[in-house]
């Protein structure tokens, strides 16, 4: 086994007792360590940063566990990325939405892209915008991207746009 990979695996294993996943699933640490190793093995630059700054890798794994998010590529919640000489835990917008839902701050959230041929009218920050488009039209037919937006529904029934 590659020395760098073994060293990263050992560093991840060294923080197992510090990882307290919110859902209490003891098996989750093992799953997340596999996802972390997959990320490291597929990105040699990230692996080098993990070797040069092992504490940053350990902290990223501990932080991941404390938030209850996953590095599972299919969930798209969080990623390990090389940043300024270290391994950084980056939370995706999907991860932020999941955190907000899990905390009870919102019931759901949805983001969408507005294109040139769409009709888009903002009706206020506390109501859903009016976004009309042909959902089965090609991107070419709908035109270039002109903006994006996100709507979240809060527990009292209001919307945040």
N, C-alpha and C. Protein backbone atom coordinates (compact mmCIF):
# COMPACT_ATOMS: atom_id res chain seq x y z
N UNK A 1 0.85 -1.19 0.00
CA UNK A 1 0.00 0.00 0.00
C UNK A 1 0.89 1.24 0.00
N UNK A 2 0.48 2.24 -0.72
CA UNK A 2 1.18 3.52 -0.79
C UNK A 2 1.34 4.09 0.62
N UNK A 3 2.56 4.60 0.91
CA UNK A 3 2.86 5.17 2.23
C UNK A 3 1.92 6.31 2.58
N UNK A 4 1.68 7.22 1.64
CA UNK A 4 0.80 8.37 1.90
C UNK A 4 -0.61 7.90 2.25
N UNK A 5 -1.09 6.91 1.53
CA UNK A 5 -2.45 6.40 1.77
C UNK A 5 -2.53 5.75 3.16
N UNK A 6 -1.52 4.96 3.50
CA UNK A 6 -1.52 4.32 4.82
C UNK A 6 -1.46 5.36 5.93
N UNK A 7 -0.66 6.40 5.74
CA UNK A 7 -0.54 7.46 6.74
C UNK A 7 -1.88 8.18 6.91
N UNK A 8 -2.56 8.46 5.80
CA UNK A 8 -3.88 9.11 5.87
C UNK A 8 -4.88 8.21 6.58
N UNK A 9 -4.85 6.93 6.26
CA UNK A 9 -5.76 5.97 6.89
C UNK A 9 -5.51 5.93 8.40
N UNK A 10 -4.24 5.94 8.80
CA UNK A 10 -3.90 5.94 10.23
C UNK A 10 -4.38 7.22 10.91
N UNK A 11 -4.23 8.37 10.23
CA UNK A 11 -4.69 9.63 10.81
C UNK A 11 -6.20 9.65 10.99
N UNK A 12 -6.92 9.12 10.03
CA UNK A 12 -8.38 9.05 10.14
C UNK A 12 -8.77 8.12 11.28
N UNK A 13 -8.08 6.99 11.39
CA UNK A 13 -8.38 6.03 12.45
C UNK A 13 -8.09 6.62 13.83
N UNK A 14 -7.12 7.53 13.92
CA UNK A 14 -6.74 8.10 15.21
C UNK A 14 -7.82 8.99 15.83
N UNK A 15 -8.78 9.44 15.05
CA UNK A 15 -9.82 10.33 15.59
C UNK A 15 -11.16 9.61 15.80
N UNK A 16 -11.17 8.30 15.65
CA UNK A 16 -12.43 7.56 15.77
C UNK A 16 -13.15 7.86 17.08
N UNK A 17 -12.44 7.89 18.19
CA UNK A 17 -13.08 8.10 19.49
C UNK A 17 -13.59 9.53 19.65
N UNK A 18 -13.09 10.46 18.86
CA UNK A 18 -13.52 11.85 18.92
C UNK A 18 -14.72 12.11 18.02
N UNK A 19 -15.08 11.15 17.21
CA UNK A 19 -16.19 11.33 16.27
C UNK A 19 -17.49 10.89 16.93
N UNK A 20 -18.36 11.83 17.11
CA UNK A 20 -19.66 11.57 17.73
C UNK A 20 -20.74 11.99 16.75
N UNK A 21 -21.17 11.08 15.94
CA UNK A 21 -22.17 11.41 14.94
C UNK A 21 -23.51 11.69 15.62
N UNK A 22 -24.16 12.72 15.13
CA UNK A 22 -25.39 13.20 15.74
C UNK A 22 -26.45 12.11 15.85
N UNK A 23 -26.55 11.27 14.83
CA UNK A 23 -27.59 10.24 14.85
C UNK A 23 -27.22 9.04 15.72
N UNK A 24 -26.01 9.05 16.33
CA UNK A 24 -25.60 7.98 17.23
C UNK A 24 -25.26 6.67 16.53
N UNK A 25 -25.18 6.65 15.23
CA UNK A 25 -24.87 5.44 14.48
C UNK A 25 -23.36 5.18 14.54
N UNK A 26 -22.96 4.18 15.32
CA UNK A 26 -21.54 3.87 15.49
C UNK A 26 -20.89 3.41 14.18
N UNK A 27 -21.68 2.82 13.30
CA UNK A 27 -21.14 2.35 12.02
C UNK A 27 -20.85 3.51 11.07
N UNK A 28 -21.42 4.67 11.36
CA UNK A 28 -21.25 5.80 10.45
C UNK A 28 -19.79 6.23 10.35
N UNK A 29 -19.03 6.15 11.43
CA UNK A 29 -17.60 6.50 11.37
C UNK A 29 -16.90 5.66 10.32
N UNK A 30 -17.17 4.37 10.30
CA UNK A 30 -16.50 3.48 9.35
C UNK A 30 -16.89 3.81 7.92
N UNK A 31 -18.16 4.10 7.71
CA UNK A 31 -18.62 4.48 6.37
C UNK A 31 -17.94 5.78 5.93
N UNK A 32 -17.91 6.76 6.82
CA UNK A 32 -17.31 8.05 6.47
C UNK A 32 -15.80 7.94 6.26
N UNK A 33 -15.15 7.04 7.00
CA UNK A 33 -13.70 6.87 6.78
C UNK A 33 -13.45 6.27 5.41
N UNK A 34 -14.33 5.43 4.94
CA UNK A 34 -14.19 4.87 3.58
C UNK A 34 -14.38 5.97 2.55
N UNK A 35 -15.40 6.82 2.74
CA UNK A 35 -15.62 7.92 1.80
C UNK A 35 -14.44 8.89 1.81
N UNK A 36 -13.88 9.14 2.98
CA UNK A 36 -12.71 10.03 3.07
C UNK A 36 -11.53 9.44 2.32
N UNK A 37 -11.30 8.15 2.49
CA UNK A 37 -10.18 7.50 1.80
C UNK A 37 -10.41 7.51 0.28
N UNK A 38 -11.64 7.33 -0.14
CA UNK A 38 -11.93 7.40 -1.57
C UNK A 38 -11.58 8.78 -2.13
N UNK A 39 -11.92 9.82 -1.38
CA UNK A 39 -11.61 11.19 -1.82
C UNK A 39 -10.09 11.40 -1.88
N UNK A 40 -9.39 10.91 -0.88
CA UNK A 40 -7.94 11.08 -0.83
C UNK A 40 -7.24 10.29 -1.93
N UNK A 41 -7.71 9.07 -2.17
CA UNK A 41 -7.08 8.22 -3.18
C UNK A 41 -7.33 8.72 -4.60
N UNK A 42 -8.41 9.47 -4.79
CA UNK A 42 -8.73 9.94 -6.14
C UNK A 42 -8.14 11.32 -6.44
N UNK A 43 -7.48 11.93 -5.46
CA UNK A 43 -6.93 13.27 -5.66
C UNK A 43 -5.54 13.33 -5.02
N UNK A 44 -4.51 13.19 -5.83
CA UNK A 44 -3.15 13.13 -5.29
C UNK A 44 -2.75 14.43 -4.59
N UNK A 45 -3.25 15.57 -5.06
CA UNK A 45 -2.93 16.83 -4.41
C UNK A 45 -3.55 16.90 -3.01
N UNK A 46 -4.80 16.45 -2.89
CA UNK A 46 -5.46 16.39 -1.59
C UNK A 46 -4.70 15.45 -0.66
N UNK A 47 -4.27 14.31 -1.17
CA UNK A 47 -3.51 13.34 -0.38
C UNK A 47 -2.20 13.96 0.11
N UNK A 48 -1.54 14.73 -0.73
CA UNK A 48 -0.30 15.41 -0.33
C UNK A 48 -0.57 16.42 0.78
N UNK A 49 -1.68 17.17 0.67
CA UNK A 49 -2.02 18.13 1.72
C UNK A 49 -2.32 17.41 3.03
N UNK A 50 -2.96 16.25 2.94
CA UNK A 50 -3.25 15.46 4.15
C UNK A 50 -1.96 14.98 4.79
N UNK A 51 -0.98 14.63 3.97
CA UNK A 51 0.31 14.19 4.51
C UNK A 51 1.05 15.37 5.15
N UNK A 52 1.03 16.52 4.49
CA UNK A 52 1.74 17.69 4.99
C UNK A 52 1.07 18.35 6.19
N UNK A 53 -0.23 18.19 6.30
CA UNK A 53 -0.98 18.81 7.39
C UNK A 53 -2.01 17.81 7.93
N UNK A 54 -1.52 16.77 8.64
CA UNK A 54 -2.44 15.72 9.11
C UNK A 54 -3.50 16.22 10.08
N UNK A 55 -3.18 17.27 10.85
CA UNK A 55 -4.18 17.80 11.79
C UNK A 55 -5.41 18.33 11.05
N UNK A 56 -5.19 18.91 9.87
CA UNK A 56 -6.33 19.44 9.12
C UNK A 56 -7.24 18.31 8.66
N UNK A 57 -6.67 17.17 8.30
CA UNK A 57 -7.49 16.01 7.92
C UNK A 57 -8.28 15.52 9.12
N UNK A 58 -7.62 15.40 10.25
CA UNK A 58 -8.30 14.95 11.48
C UNK A 58 -9.43 15.90 11.84
N UNK A 59 -9.15 17.20 11.80
CA UNK A 59 -10.19 18.19 12.15
C UNK A 59 -11.37 18.13 11.19
N UNK A 60 -11.10 17.91 9.91
CA UNK A 60 -12.18 17.82 8.93
C UNK A 60 -13.10 16.65 9.25
N UNK A 61 -12.52 15.51 9.62
CA UNK A 61 -13.32 14.32 9.94
C UNK A 61 -14.11 14.54 11.23
N UNK A 62 -13.48 15.14 12.24
CA UNK A 62 -14.19 15.43 13.50
C UNK A 62 -15.33 16.41 13.25
N UNK A 63 -15.08 17.46 12.47
CA UNK A 63 -16.13 18.45 12.17
C UNK A 63 -17.28 17.82 11.41
N UNK A 64 -16.95 16.95 10.47
CA UNK A 64 -17.98 16.25 9.71
C UNK A 64 -18.89 15.47 10.66
N UNK A 65 -18.27 14.75 11.59
CA UNK A 65 -19.06 13.92 12.51
C UNK A 65 -19.95 14.77 13.40
N UNK A 66 -19.45 15.93 13.82
CA UNK A 66 -20.24 16.76 14.74
C UNK A 66 -21.45 17.40 14.06
N UNK A 67 -21.40 17.52 12.74
CA UNK A 67 -22.53 18.12 12.02
C UNK A 67 -23.54 17.09 11.53
N UNK A 68 -23.15 15.83 11.51
CA UNK A 68 -24.07 14.80 11.05
C UNK A 68 -24.21 14.74 9.55
N UNK A 69 -23.23 15.31 8.82
CA UNK A 69 -23.26 15.25 7.37
C UNK A 69 -22.42 14.08 6.88
N UNK A 70 -22.41 13.88 5.57
CA UNK A 70 -21.71 12.74 5.00
C UNK A 70 -20.84 13.16 3.82
N UNK A 71 -19.74 12.44 3.63
CA UNK A 71 -18.89 12.58 2.45
C UNK A 71 -19.36 11.67 1.33
N UNK A 72 -20.45 10.95 1.55
CA UNK A 72 -21.00 10.04 0.54
C UNK A 72 -21.25 10.83 -0.75
N UNK A 73 -20.57 10.47 -1.84
CA UNK A 73 -20.72 11.23 -3.08
C UNK A 73 -22.17 11.32 -3.58
N UNK A 74 -22.98 10.31 -3.29
CA UNK A 74 -24.36 10.35 -3.78
C UNK A 74 -25.22 11.35 -3.00
N UNK A 75 -24.85 11.68 -1.78
CA UNK A 75 -25.60 12.66 -1.00
C UNK A 75 -25.20 14.09 -1.32
N UNK A 76 -23.97 14.31 -1.78
CA UNK A 76 -23.46 15.62 -2.17
C UNK A 76 -23.59 16.66 -1.04
N UNK A 77 -23.35 16.22 0.20
CA UNK A 77 -23.48 17.13 1.34
C UNK A 77 -22.18 17.85 1.68
N UNK A 78 -21.05 17.14 1.57
CA UNK A 78 -19.77 17.71 2.01
C UNK A 78 -18.63 17.08 1.23
N UNK A 79 -17.52 17.83 1.18
CA UNK A 79 -16.36 17.38 0.41
C UNK A 79 -15.08 17.71 1.16
N UNK A 80 -14.06 16.90 0.99
CA UNK A 80 -12.72 17.23 1.45
C UNK A 80 -12.01 17.88 0.28
N UNK A 81 -11.50 19.09 0.49
CA UNK A 81 -10.83 19.81 -0.59
C UNK A 81 -9.50 20.37 -0.09
N UNK A 82 -8.50 20.40 -0.96
CA UNK A 82 -7.25 21.04 -0.58
C UNK A 82 -7.44 22.55 -0.59
N UNK A 83 -7.02 23.21 0.49
CA UNK A 83 -7.21 24.65 0.58
C UNK A 83 -6.11 25.26 1.44
N UNK A 84 -5.32 26.12 0.84
CA UNK A 84 -4.26 26.84 1.54
C UNK A 84 -3.36 25.91 2.36
N UNK A 85 -2.93 24.83 1.74
CA UNK A 85 -1.98 23.93 2.39
C UNK A 85 -2.57 22.97 3.39
N UNK A 86 -3.87 22.81 3.38
CA UNK A 86 -4.49 21.90 4.33
C UNK A 86 -5.67 21.17 3.67
N UNK A 87 -6.27 20.28 4.44
CA UNK A 87 -7.49 19.59 4.01
C UNK A 87 -8.65 20.33 4.67
N UNK A 88 -9.55 20.82 3.85
CA UNK A 88 -10.66 21.62 4.34
C UNK A 88 -11.96 20.87 4.11
N UNK A 89 -12.85 20.91 5.08
CA UNK A 89 -14.19 20.35 4.93
C UNK A 89 -15.07 21.43 4.34
N UNK A 90 -15.56 21.21 3.13
CA UNK A 90 -16.45 22.17 2.47
C UNK A 90 -17.87 21.60 2.47
N UNK A 91 -18.79 22.39 2.96
CA UNK A 91 -20.19 21.98 3.01
C UNK A 91 -20.88 22.51 1.75
N UNK A 92 -21.56 21.65 1.02
CA UNK A 92 -22.27 22.07 -0.19
C UNK A 92 -23.58 22.74 0.18
N UNK A 93 -24.22 23.37 -0.81
CA UNK A 93 -25.52 23.98 -0.53
C UNK A 93 -26.53 22.90 -0.13
N UNK A 94 -26.36 21.69 -0.67
CA UNK A 94 -27.28 20.60 -0.29
C UNK A 94 -27.06 20.22 1.17
N UNK A 95 -25.80 20.23 1.60
CA UNK A 95 -25.50 19.96 3.00
C UNK A 95 -26.06 21.04 3.92
N UNK A 96 -25.97 22.30 3.49
CA UNK A 96 -26.52 23.39 4.30
C UNK A 96 -28.04 23.27 4.41
N UNK A 97 -28.68 22.89 3.32
CA UNK A 97 -30.14 22.68 3.36
C UNK A 97 -30.48 21.55 4.32
N UNK A 98 -29.73 20.44 4.24
CA UNK A 98 -29.99 19.32 5.15
C UNK A 98 -29.78 19.72 6.61
N UNK A 99 -28.75 20.52 6.89
CA UNK A 99 -28.53 21.01 8.27
C UNK A 99 -29.72 21.85 8.73
N UNK A 100 -30.19 22.75 7.87
CA UNK A 100 -31.31 23.61 8.24
C UNK A 100 -32.59 22.79 8.48
N UNK A 101 -32.81 21.78 7.66
CA UNK A 101 -33.98 20.91 7.85
C UNK A 101 -33.85 20.12 9.14
N UNK A 102 -32.67 19.54 9.38
CA UNK A 102 -32.45 18.74 10.60
C UNK A 102 -32.57 19.58 11.86
N UNK A 103 -32.20 20.87 11.78
CA UNK A 103 -32.32 21.76 12.94
C UNK A 103 -33.75 22.28 13.12
N UNK A 104 -34.62 22.04 12.14
CA UNK A 104 -36.00 22.51 12.23
C UNK A 104 -36.17 23.96 11.80
N UNK A 105 -35.13 24.56 11.24
CA UNK A 105 -35.22 25.95 10.81
C UNK A 105 -36.07 26.10 9.56
N UNK A 106 -36.07 25.09 8.71
CA UNK A 106 -36.90 25.09 7.50
C UNK A 106 -37.53 23.72 7.34
N UNK A 107 -38.63 23.68 6.58
CA UNK A 107 -39.28 22.41 6.28
C UNK A 107 -38.71 21.79 5.01
N UNK A 108 -38.42 22.65 4.02
CA UNK A 108 -37.81 22.21 2.77
C UNK A 108 -37.21 23.41 2.07
N UNK A 109 -36.38 23.14 1.10
CA UNK A 109 -35.80 24.20 0.28
C UNK A 109 -35.64 23.66 -1.13
N UNK A 110 -35.70 24.57 -2.08
CA UNK A 110 -35.55 24.21 -3.49
C UNK A 110 -34.84 25.35 -4.19
N UNK A 111 -33.88 24.98 -5.00
CA UNK A 111 -33.20 26.00 -5.82
C UNK A 111 -33.49 25.70 -7.28
N UNK A 112 -33.41 26.74 -8.10
CA UNK A 112 -33.67 26.54 -9.53
C UNK A 112 -32.91 27.58 -10.33
N UNK A 113 -32.78 27.30 -11.60
CA UNK A 113 -32.08 28.15 -12.55
C UNK A 113 -33.11 28.88 -13.40
N UNK A 114 -32.89 30.17 -13.61
CA UNK A 114 -33.76 30.97 -14.49
C UNK A 114 -33.00 31.19 -15.79
N UNK A 115 -33.67 30.91 -16.91
CA UNK A 115 -33.06 31.07 -18.23
C UNK A 115 -33.77 32.18 -19.02
N UNK A 116 -33.14 32.60 -20.11
CA UNK A 116 -33.61 33.74 -20.89
C UNK A 116 -35.08 33.66 -21.30
N UNK A 117 -35.57 32.52 -21.71
CA UNK A 117 -36.95 32.44 -22.20
C UNK A 117 -37.97 32.18 -21.08
N UNK A 118 -37.50 32.02 -19.84
CA UNK A 118 -38.41 31.79 -18.72
C UNK A 118 -39.11 33.10 -18.35
N UNK A 119 -40.25 32.96 -17.70
CA UNK A 119 -40.91 34.09 -17.07
C UNK A 119 -40.64 33.98 -15.58
N UNK A 120 -40.07 35.03 -15.01
CA UNK A 120 -39.71 34.99 -13.59
C UNK A 120 -40.08 36.32 -12.95
N UNK A 121 -40.94 36.25 -11.94
CA UNK A 121 -41.38 37.46 -11.24
C UNK A 121 -41.25 37.22 -9.75
N UNK A 122 -40.49 38.09 -9.10
CA UNK A 122 -40.38 38.03 -7.64
C UNK A 122 -41.62 38.70 -7.07
N UNK A 123 -42.27 38.03 -6.15
CA UNK A 123 -43.51 38.55 -5.58
C UNK A 123 -43.32 39.00 -4.13
N UNK A 124 -42.07 39.03 -3.66
CA UNK A 124 -41.74 39.42 -2.29
C UNK A 124 -40.83 38.37 -1.67
N UNK A 125 -40.14 38.76 -0.60
CA UNK A 125 -39.21 37.80 0.01
C UNK A 125 -39.92 36.73 0.83
N UNK A 126 -41.19 36.98 1.18
CA UNK A 126 -41.90 36.01 2.01
C UNK A 126 -42.94 35.20 1.23
N UNK A 127 -42.85 35.25 -0.10
CA UNK A 127 -43.75 34.44 -0.94
C UNK A 127 -42.93 33.77 -2.04
N UNK A 128 -43.48 32.73 -2.60
CA UNK A 128 -42.78 32.05 -3.68
C UNK A 128 -42.79 32.93 -4.93
N UNK A 129 -41.67 32.97 -5.65
CA UNK A 129 -41.68 33.71 -6.92
C UNK A 129 -42.53 32.97 -7.95
N UNK A 130 -42.93 33.68 -8.98
CA UNK A 130 -43.66 33.08 -10.08
C UNK A 130 -42.63 32.74 -11.16
N UNK A 131 -42.32 31.46 -11.32
CA UNK A 131 -41.33 31.02 -12.30
C UNK A 131 -42.03 30.06 -13.26
N UNK A 132 -42.20 30.52 -14.49
CA UNK A 132 -42.86 29.70 -15.50
C UNK A 132 -41.88 29.39 -16.62
N UNK A 133 -41.86 28.12 -16.99
CA UNK A 133 -40.98 27.69 -18.09
C UNK A 133 -41.50 26.35 -18.60
N UNK A 134 -41.00 25.96 -19.75
CA UNK A 134 -41.35 24.66 -20.31
C UNK A 134 -40.35 23.65 -19.76
N UNK A 135 -40.77 22.80 -18.83
CA UNK A 135 -39.83 21.91 -18.14
C UNK A 135 -39.15 20.89 -19.04
N UNK A 136 -39.74 20.58 -20.17
CA UNK A 136 -39.14 19.56 -21.05
C UNK A 136 -38.42 20.18 -22.25
N UNK A 137 -38.33 21.50 -22.27
CA UNK A 137 -37.58 22.18 -23.34
C UNK A 137 -36.09 21.98 -23.08
N UNK A 138 -35.32 21.95 -24.14
CA UNK A 138 -33.88 21.79 -23.99
C UNK A 138 -33.28 23.08 -23.42
N UNK A 139 -32.06 22.97 -22.90
CA UNK A 139 -31.36 24.16 -22.40
C UNK A 139 -31.18 25.17 -23.53
N UNK A 140 -30.93 24.67 -24.72
CA UNK A 140 -30.77 25.56 -25.88
C UNK A 140 -32.05 26.34 -26.13
N UNK A 141 -33.20 25.66 -26.07
CA UNK A 141 -34.50 26.31 -26.30
C UNK A 141 -34.81 27.34 -25.20
N UNK A 142 -34.42 27.03 -23.97
CA UNK A 142 -34.70 27.94 -22.86
C UNK A 142 -33.72 29.10 -22.80
N UNK A 143 -32.56 28.96 -23.43
CA UNK A 143 -31.59 30.06 -23.47
C UNK A 143 -30.55 29.99 -22.36
N UNK A 144 -29.72 31.02 -22.34
CA UNK A 144 -28.64 31.10 -21.36
C UNK A 144 -29.17 31.33 -19.95
N UNK A 145 -28.36 30.96 -18.98
CA UNK A 145 -28.70 31.20 -17.58
C UNK A 145 -28.62 32.70 -17.31
N UNK A 146 -29.67 33.23 -16.68
CA UNK A 146 -29.67 34.65 -16.30
C UNK A 146 -29.67 34.82 -14.78
N UNK A 147 -29.93 33.76 -14.05
CA UNK A 147 -29.93 33.84 -12.59
C UNK A 147 -30.32 32.54 -11.95
N UNK A 148 -30.20 32.52 -10.64
CA UNK A 148 -30.62 31.37 -9.84
C UNK A 148 -31.34 31.89 -8.60
N UNK A 149 -32.12 31.05 -7.98
CA UNK A 149 -32.80 31.45 -6.76
C UNK A 149 -33.04 30.21 -5.89
N UNK A 150 -33.36 30.48 -4.64
CA UNK A 150 -33.67 29.41 -3.70
C UNK A 150 -34.88 29.83 -2.90
N UNK A 151 -35.77 28.90 -2.66
CA UNK A 151 -36.96 29.12 -1.83
C UNK A 151 -36.87 28.14 -0.67
N UNK A 152 -37.19 28.61 0.52
CA UNK A 152 -37.28 27.73 1.69
C UNK A 152 -38.61 28.00 2.38
N UNK A 153 -39.25 26.93 2.85
CA UNK A 153 -40.49 27.07 3.60
C UNK A 153 -40.14 26.89 5.08
N UNK A 154 -40.54 27.87 5.89
CA UNK A 154 -40.25 27.82 7.33
C UNK A 154 -41.43 27.21 8.07
N UNK A 155 -41.21 26.74 9.30
CA UNK A 155 -42.26 26.02 10.02
C UNK A 155 -43.58 26.77 10.20
N UNK A 156 -43.57 28.11 10.22
CA UNK A 156 -44.83 28.85 10.39
C UNK A 156 -45.61 28.97 9.07
N UNK A 157 -45.09 28.38 7.99
CA UNK A 157 -45.78 28.40 6.70
C UNK A 157 -45.30 29.46 5.75
N UNK A 158 -44.50 30.41 6.23
CA UNK A 158 -43.96 31.45 5.35
C UNK A 158 -42.87 30.86 4.45
N UNK A 159 -42.55 31.63 3.44
CA UNK A 159 -41.47 31.27 2.53
C UNK A 159 -40.36 32.31 2.62
N UNK A 160 -39.15 31.89 2.38
CA UNK A 160 -38.01 32.80 2.27
C UNK A 160 -37.45 32.58 0.87
N UNK A 161 -37.31 33.66 0.11
CA UNK A 161 -36.78 33.56 -1.25
C UNK A 161 -35.41 34.20 -1.29
